[in-house]
Amino acid sequence: MKIELSEQQFRYLLDLVYIGNWVINSTRENDRIQEYDQVESLVFSHCLRHKMSKLVELYRGELIPSRAFADGGIHEAIEQYEDVVFYEILAEELAMRDMDGEPLTRENYGELMDRIDAYLSEFDEHGTDNISVDLP
């Protein structure tokens, strides 16, 4: 298969491939899905032919994203996404808890969304400052 990209599009593709592999493999430690690592290595290997060699490095015989790439702001994008997802999941879980485990129906959907919105507003204003957990 051949894909033609501009230099800028290729640079965006590097970000997408890195983020995708990060989501899939970053928490897997020794149980990484090697096929995704291999695709990442293949895509990043093209940096050598496109004057982007500083974005790739050799590690244990594999081409991987370089420290310069990883330190170039990509993790800030990942962290921003993780923060949004964290607060959205937390708001939904708390809203569901407040509804005493009622199954979601058309009739109570509005109530659930109102509760989620209220939690999200609270988190936007105060982060986790007002959350407390009673531990035994």
N, C-alpha and C. Protein backbone atom coordinates (compact mmCIF):
# COMPACT_ATOMS: atom_id res chain seq x y z
N MET A 1 0.84 -1.17 0.00
CA MET A 1 0.00 0.00 0.00
C MET A 1 0.89 1.23 0.00
N LYS A 2 0.48 2.24 -0.72
CA LYS A 2 1.23 3.48 -0.78
C LYS A 2 0.29 4.63 -0.41
N ILE A 3 0.76 5.47 0.48
CA ILE A 3 0.00 6.65 0.89
C ILE A 3 0.86 7.87 0.62
N GLU A 4 0.31 8.84 -0.05
CA GLU A 4 1.06 10.07 -0.32
C GLU A 4 0.58 11.16 0.64
N LEU A 5 1.56 11.74 1.33
CA LEU A 5 1.29 12.79 2.31
C LEU A 5 2.24 13.95 2.09
N SER A 6 1.79 15.13 2.42
CA SER A 6 2.72 16.26 2.47
C SER A 6 3.60 16.09 3.70
N GLU A 7 4.68 16.85 3.77
CA GLU A 7 5.56 16.79 4.95
C GLU A 7 4.77 17.10 6.22
N GLN A 8 3.90 18.11 6.15
CA GLN A 8 3.11 18.48 7.32
C GLN A 8 2.12 17.38 7.70
N GLN A 9 1.49 16.77 6.71
CA GLN A 9 0.57 15.68 6.99
C GLN A 9 1.32 14.49 7.61
N PHE A 10 2.52 14.22 7.12
CA PHE A 10 3.32 13.15 7.70
C PHE A 10 3.65 13.45 9.16
N ARG A 11 3.96 14.70 9.44
CA ARG A 11 4.26 15.09 10.83
C ARG A 11 3.04 14.89 11.72
N TYR A 12 1.85 15.22 11.21
CA TYR A 12 0.62 14.97 11.96
C TYR A 12 0.39 13.47 12.16
N LEU A 13 0.71 12.68 11.13
CA LEU A 13 0.58 11.23 11.23
C LEU A 13 1.47 10.68 12.34
N LEU A 14 2.68 11.21 12.47
CA LEU A 14 3.57 10.78 13.55
C LEU A 14 2.90 10.99 14.90
N ASP A 15 2.28 12.15 15.09
CA ASP A 15 1.58 12.41 16.35
C ASP A 15 0.46 11.40 16.58
N LEU A 16 -0.33 11.15 15.54
CA LEU A 16 -1.45 10.23 15.67
C LEU A 16 -0.99 8.81 15.98
N VAL A 17 0.05 8.36 15.31
CA VAL A 17 0.57 7.02 15.55
C VAL A 17 1.12 6.91 16.97
N TYR A 18 1.86 7.91 17.40
CA TYR A 18 2.42 7.90 18.75
C TYR A 18 1.32 7.87 19.79
N ILE A 19 0.33 8.74 19.64
CA ILE A 19 -0.77 8.79 20.61
C ILE A 19 -1.53 7.47 20.62
N GLY A 20 -1.80 6.91 19.45
CA GLY A 20 -2.51 5.64 19.39
C GLY A 20 -1.76 4.53 20.09
N ASN A 21 -0.47 4.43 19.84
CA ASN A 21 0.32 3.39 20.50
C ASN A 21 0.44 3.66 22.00
N TRP A 22 0.50 4.92 22.37
CA TRP A 22 0.55 5.28 23.79
C TRP A 22 -0.72 4.80 24.49
N VAL A 23 -1.88 5.05 23.90
CA VAL A 23 -3.15 4.64 24.50
C VAL A 23 -3.20 3.12 24.62
N ILE A 24 -2.77 2.42 23.59
CA ILE A 24 -2.87 0.97 23.59
C ILE A 24 -1.83 0.31 24.49
N ASN A 25 -0.61 0.80 24.50
CA ASN A 25 0.49 0.07 25.14
C ASN A 25 1.09 0.70 26.39
N SER A 26 0.80 1.94 26.69
CA SER A 26 1.55 2.61 27.78
C SER A 26 1.33 1.97 29.14
N THR A 27 0.23 1.33 29.38
CA THR A 27 -0.03 0.72 30.69
C THR A 27 0.21 -0.78 30.70
N ARG A 28 0.68 -1.33 29.60
CA ARG A 28 0.78 -2.79 29.47
C ARG A 28 2.11 -3.36 29.99
N GLU A 29 3.10 -2.54 30.28
CA GLU A 29 4.41 -2.94 30.77
C GLU A 29 5.01 -4.06 29.91
N ASN A 30 5.07 -5.29 30.43
CA ASN A 30 5.71 -6.40 29.70
C ASN A 30 4.74 -7.14 28.78
N ASP A 31 3.52 -6.67 28.69
CA ASP A 31 2.50 -7.33 27.88
C ASP A 31 2.08 -6.45 26.71
N ARG A 32 3.05 -5.73 26.14
CA ARG A 32 2.76 -4.81 25.04
C ARG A 32 2.26 -5.57 23.82
N ILE A 33 1.40 -4.95 23.06
CA ILE A 33 0.95 -5.52 21.80
C ILE A 33 1.99 -5.14 20.75
N GLN A 34 2.82 -6.10 20.40
CA GLN A 34 3.99 -5.85 19.55
C GLN A 34 3.62 -5.34 18.16
N GLU A 35 2.48 -5.76 17.65
CA GLU A 35 2.08 -5.33 16.31
C GLU A 35 1.95 -3.81 16.23
N TYR A 36 1.46 -3.19 17.30
CA TYR A 36 1.35 -1.73 17.30
C TYR A 36 2.71 -1.07 17.42
N ASP A 37 3.60 -1.66 18.21
CA ASP A 37 4.97 -1.15 18.28
C ASP A 37 5.65 -1.24 16.92
N GLN A 38 5.40 -2.33 16.21
CA GLN A 38 6.01 -2.51 14.89
C GLN A 38 5.50 -1.48 13.89
N VAL A 39 4.21 -1.21 13.93
CA VAL A 39 3.65 -0.19 13.01
C VAL A 39 4.24 1.17 13.36
N GLU A 40 4.32 1.48 14.65
CA GLU A 40 4.91 2.75 15.06
C GLU A 40 6.35 2.85 14.55
N SER A 41 7.11 1.79 14.71
CA SER A 41 8.50 1.78 14.25
C SER A 41 8.58 1.97 12.73
N LEU A 42 7.71 1.30 12.00
CA LEU A 42 7.70 1.43 10.55
C LEU A 42 7.39 2.87 10.13
N VAL A 43 6.37 3.46 10.72
CA VAL A 43 6.00 4.83 10.35
C VAL A 43 7.12 5.79 10.71
N PHE A 44 7.68 5.65 11.90
CA PHE A 44 8.76 6.56 12.31
C PHE A 44 10.04 6.34 11.51
N SER A 45 10.22 5.16 10.95
CA SER A 45 11.41 4.92 10.13
C SER A 45 11.45 5.85 8.91
N HIS A 46 10.31 6.31 8.46
CA HIS A 46 10.26 7.21 7.31
C HIS A 46 10.80 8.61 7.65
N CYS A 47 10.97 8.89 8.92
CA CYS A 47 11.58 10.17 9.31
C CYS A 47 12.99 10.30 8.74
N LEU A 48 13.68 9.18 8.62
CA LEU A 48 15.06 9.21 8.15
C LEU A 48 15.17 9.71 6.72
N ARG A 49 14.12 9.51 5.93
CA ARG A 49 14.13 9.92 4.52
C ARG A 49 13.52 11.30 4.31
N HIS A 50 13.00 11.90 5.36
CA HIS A 50 12.28 13.17 5.19
C HIS A 50 12.83 14.28 6.09
N LYS A 51 14.12 14.27 6.28
CA LYS A 51 14.79 15.32 7.06
C LYS A 51 14.17 15.52 8.44
N MET A 52 13.74 14.41 9.04
CA MET A 52 13.15 14.45 10.38
C MET A 52 13.86 13.45 11.29
N SER A 53 15.14 13.21 11.03
CA SER A 53 15.87 12.17 11.75
C SER A 53 15.94 12.44 13.25
N LYS A 54 15.80 13.69 13.66
CA LYS A 54 15.84 13.99 15.11
C LYS A 54 14.61 13.46 15.84
N LEU A 55 13.60 13.02 15.09
CA LEU A 55 12.36 12.52 15.70
C LEU A 55 12.36 11.01 15.92
N VAL A 56 13.47 10.35 15.54
CA VAL A 56 13.54 8.89 15.67
C VAL A 56 14.91 8.50 16.21
N GLU A 57 14.95 7.40 16.97
CA GLU A 57 16.22 6.89 17.48
C GLU A 57 16.18 5.37 17.51
N LEU A 58 17.35 4.78 17.52
CA LEU A 58 17.48 3.33 17.55
C LEU A 58 17.56 2.87 19.00
N TYR A 59 16.71 1.92 19.36
CA TYR A 59 16.69 1.37 20.72
C TYR A 59 16.50 -0.13 20.61
N ARG A 60 17.48 -0.90 21.07
CA ARG A 60 17.43 -2.37 21.04
C ARG A 60 17.09 -2.88 19.64
N GLY A 61 17.69 -2.27 18.64
CA GLY A 61 17.51 -2.71 17.27
C GLY A 61 16.23 -2.25 16.61
N GLU A 62 15.42 -1.46 17.30
CA GLU A 62 14.15 -0.95 16.76
C GLU A 62 14.20 0.56 16.65
N LEU A 63 13.62 1.10 15.60
CA LEU A 63 13.47 2.54 15.50
C LEU A 63 12.22 2.94 16.29
N ILE A 64 12.42 3.90 17.17
CA ILE A 64 11.32 4.35 18.03
C ILE A 64 11.30 5.88 18.02
N PRO A 65 10.18 6.47 18.46
CA PRO A 65 10.16 7.93 18.60
C PRO A 65 11.27 8.38 19.55
N SER A 66 11.96 9.42 19.17
CA SER A 66 13.09 9.90 19.97
C SER A 66 12.62 10.65 21.20
N ARG A 67 13.57 10.88 22.08
CA ARG A 67 13.30 11.69 23.27
C ARG A 67 12.89 13.09 22.83
N ALA A 68 13.51 13.62 21.77
CA ALA A 68 13.16 14.95 21.26
C ALA A 68 11.70 14.97 20.82
N PHE A 69 11.23 13.91 20.18
CA PHE A 69 9.83 13.85 19.78
C PHE A 69 8.94 13.82 21.03
N ALA A 70 9.24 12.90 21.94
CA ALA A 70 8.41 12.74 23.14
C ALA A 70 8.39 13.99 24.00
N ASP A 71 9.50 14.73 24.02
CA ASP A 71 9.58 15.95 24.83
C ASP A 71 9.08 17.18 24.09
N GLY A 72 8.61 17.00 22.87
CA GLY A 72 8.21 18.13 22.04
C GLY A 72 6.79 18.62 22.21
N GLY A 73 6.08 18.17 23.23
CA GLY A 73 4.74 18.66 23.48
C GLY A 73 3.64 17.63 23.31
N ILE A 74 3.97 16.46 22.79
CA ILE A 74 2.95 15.44 22.55
C ILE A 74 2.32 14.96 23.85
N HIS A 75 3.11 14.89 24.92
CA HIS A 75 2.55 14.42 26.19
C HIS A 75 1.62 15.44 26.83
N GLU A 76 1.83 16.70 26.53
CA GLU A 76 0.88 17.71 27.01
C GLU A 76 -0.49 17.49 26.37
N ALA A 77 -0.51 17.14 25.09
CA ALA A 77 -1.77 16.85 24.41
C ALA A 77 -2.43 15.61 25.03
N ILE A 78 -1.65 14.59 25.33
CA ILE A 78 -2.18 13.38 25.96
C ILE A 78 -2.72 13.71 27.34
N GLU A 79 -1.98 14.49 28.12
CA GLU A 79 -2.41 14.85 29.47
C GLU A 79 -3.70 15.66 29.45
N GLN A 80 -3.84 16.57 28.50
CA GLN A 80 -5.06 17.35 28.39
C GLN A 80 -6.25 16.42 28.13
N TYR A 81 -6.08 15.48 27.23
CA TYR A 81 -7.13 14.50 26.94
C TYR A 81 -7.45 13.68 28.19
N GLU A 82 -6.43 13.20 28.88
CA GLU A 82 -6.64 12.39 30.08
C GLU A 82 -7.39 13.17 31.15
N ASP A 83 -7.08 14.45 31.32
CA ASP A 83 -7.78 15.27 32.30
C ASP A 83 -9.26 15.38 31.98
N VAL A 84 -9.57 15.65 30.72
CA VAL A 84 -10.97 15.78 30.31
C VAL A 84 -11.70 14.47 30.53
N VAL A 85 -11.11 13.37 30.11
CA VAL A 85 -11.75 12.07 30.26
C VAL A 85 -11.92 11.72 31.74
N PHE A 86 -10.92 12.01 32.56
CA PHE A 86 -11.02 11.75 33.99
C PHE A 86 -12.24 12.44 34.59
N TYR A 87 -12.37 13.73 34.33
CA TYR A 87 -13.48 14.48 34.91
C TYR A 87 -14.83 14.05 34.34
N GLU A 88 -14.87 13.71 33.07
CA GLU A 88 -16.13 13.25 32.48
C GLU A 88 -16.56 11.91 33.06
N ILE A 89 -15.63 10.99 33.21
CA ILE A 89 -15.97 9.69 33.80
C ILE A 89 -16.36 9.85 35.25
N LEU A 90 -15.61 10.66 35.99
CA LEU A 90 -15.94 10.88 37.40
C LEU A 90 -17.32 11.50 37.54
N ALA A 91 -17.63 12.49 36.73
CA ALA A 91 -18.95 13.13 36.80
C ALA A 91 -20.06 12.13 36.50
N GLU A 92 -19.86 11.30 35.49
CA GLU A 92 -20.88 10.30 35.15
C GLU A 92 -21.05 9.28 36.26
N GLU A 93 -19.94 8.80 36.81
CA GLU A 93 -20.02 7.82 37.90
C GLU A 93 -20.72 8.39 39.12
N LEU A 94 -20.38 9.62 39.49
CA LEU A 94 -21.03 10.25 40.64
C LEU A 94 -22.51 10.49 40.39
N ALA A 95 -22.84 10.92 39.18
CA ALA A 95 -24.25 11.15 38.84
C ALA A 95 -25.04 9.85 38.89
N MET A 96 -24.46 8.78 38.38
CA MET A 96 -25.13 7.47 38.44
C MET A 96 -25.29 7.02 39.89
N ARG A 97 -24.27 7.23 40.69
CA ARG A 97 -24.36 6.87 42.11
C ARG A 97 -25.48 7.64 42.79
N ASP A 98 -25.59 8.93 42.48
CA ASP A 98 -26.64 9.77 43.07
C ASP A 98 -28.04 9.27 42.73
N MET A 99 -28.15 8.58 41.62
CA MET A 99 -29.46 8.07 41.18
C MET A 99 -29.73 6.67 41.73
N ASP A 100 -28.95 6.28 42.72
CA ASP A 100 -29.16 5.01 43.44
C ASP A 100 -29.21 3.79 42.53
N GLY A 101 -28.40 3.79 41.51
CA GLY A 101 -28.30 2.63 40.64
C GLY A 101 -29.48 2.40 39.72
N GLU A 102 -30.35 3.40 39.59
CA GLU A 102 -31.48 3.26 38.66
C GLU A 102 -30.94 3.02 37.26
N PRO A 103 -31.52 2.08 36.54
CA PRO A 103 -31.10 1.92 35.15
C PRO A 103 -31.46 3.15 34.33
N LEU A 104 -30.63 3.47 33.38
CA LEU A 104 -30.85 4.64 32.55
C LEU A 104 -32.05 4.39 31.63
N THR A 105 -32.98 5.34 31.65
CA THR A 105 -34.17 5.26 30.79
C THR A 105 -34.37 6.61 30.12
N ARG A 106 -35.28 6.66 29.17
CA ARG A 106 -35.60 7.94 28.54
C ARG A 106 -36.16 8.92 29.55
N GLU A 107 -36.87 8.39 30.53
CA GLU A 107 -37.49 9.25 31.53
C GLU A 107 -36.48 9.91 32.47
N ASN A 108 -35.40 9.22 32.83
CA ASN A 108 -34.44 9.80 33.78
C ASN A 108 -33.16 10.29 33.11
N TYR A 109 -33.10 10.23 31.79
CA TYR A 109 -31.90 10.67 31.07
C TYR A 109 -31.60 12.15 31.34
N GLY A 110 -32.63 12.98 31.31
CA GLY A 110 -32.45 14.41 31.57
C GLY A 110 -31.89 14.67 32.96
N GLU A 111 -32.40 13.94 33.94
CA GLU A 111 -31.90 14.08 35.31
C GLU A 111 -30.43 13.70 35.39
N LEU A 112 -30.07 12.60 34.73
CA LEU A 112 -28.68 12.17 34.72
C LEU A 112 -27.79 13.23 34.09
N MET A 113 -28.21 13.76 32.95
CA MET A 113 -27.40 14.78 32.27
C MET A 113 -27.28 16.05 33.11
N ASP A 114 -28.35 16.43 33.79
CA ASP A 114 -28.28 17.60 34.68
C ASP A 114 -27.27 17.39 35.80
N ARG A 115 -27.29 16.19 36.36
CA ARG A 115 -26.33 15.88 37.42
C ARG A 115 -24.89 15.88 36.89
N ILE A 116 -24.69 15.28 35.71
CA ILE A 116 -23.36 15.28 35.10
C ILE A 116 -22.89 16.70 34.87
N ASP A 117 -23.77 17.53 34.31
CA ASP A 117 -23.41 18.94 34.04
C ASP A 117 -23.07 19.67 35.33
N ALA A 118 -23.81 19.40 36.40
CA ALA A 118 -23.53 20.05 37.69
C ALA A 118 -22.15 19.64 38.20
N TYR A 119 -21.84 18.36 38.11
CA TYR A 119 -20.51 17.92 38.54
C TYR A 119 -19.42 18.52 37.68
N LEU A 120 -19.63 18.54 36.36
CA LEU A 120 -18.62 19.12 35.48
C LEU A 120 -18.39 20.60 35.77
N SER A 121 -19.45 21.32 36.08
CA SER A 121 -19.31 22.74 36.45
C SER A 121 -18.49 22.88 37.72
N GLU A 122 -18.78 22.02 38.68
CA GLU A 122 -18.02 22.03 39.94
C GLU A 122 -16.54 21.74 39.68
N PHE A 123 -16.26 20.74 38.85
CA PHE A 123 -14.87 20.39 38.57
C PHE A 123 -14.18 21.49 37.78
N ASP A 124 -14.90 22.15 36.88
CA ASP A 124 -14.31 23.27 36.13
C ASP A 124 -13.90 24.39 37.08
N GLU A 125 -14.72 24.61 38.08
CA GLU A 125 -14.46 25.72 39.00
C GLU A 125 -13.44 25.37 40.08
N HIS A 126 -13.49 24.12 40.59
CA HIS A 126 -12.68 23.79 41.77
C HIS A 126 -11.78 22.56 41.60
N GLY A 127 -11.81 21.93 40.42
CA GLY A 127 -11.02 20.71 40.27
C GLY A 127 -11.51 19.66 41.25
N THR A 128 -10.58 19.00 41.92
CA THR A 128 -10.95 17.98 42.90
C THR A 128 -10.90 18.48 44.34
N ASP A 129 -10.76 19.79 44.52
CA ASP A 129 -10.61 20.36 45.86
C ASP A 129 -11.76 20.02 46.80
N ASN A 130 -12.98 19.90 46.29
CA ASN A 130 -14.14 19.67 47.14
C ASN A 130 -14.57 18.22 47.20
N ILE A 131 -13.75 17.32 46.68
CA ILE A 131 -14.07 15.89 46.75
C ILE A 131 -13.44 15.32 48.02
N SER A 132 -14.22 14.56 48.75
CA SER A 132 -13.68 13.88 49.92
C SER A 132 -14.15 12.44 49.89
N VAL A 133 -13.33 11.57 50.43
CA VAL A 133 -13.64 10.16 50.49
C VAL A 133 -13.46 9.73 51.95
N ASP A 134 -14.46 9.05 52.48
CA ASP A 134 -14.38 8.56 53.85
C ASP A 134 -13.80 7.16 53.82
N LEU A 135 -12.57 7.03 54.28
CA LEU A 135 -11.93 5.72 54.34
C LEU A 135 -12.07 5.17 55.75
N PRO A 136 -12.20 3.85 55.86
CA PRO A 136 -12.33 3.25 57.23
C PRO A 136 -11.06 3.40 58.03
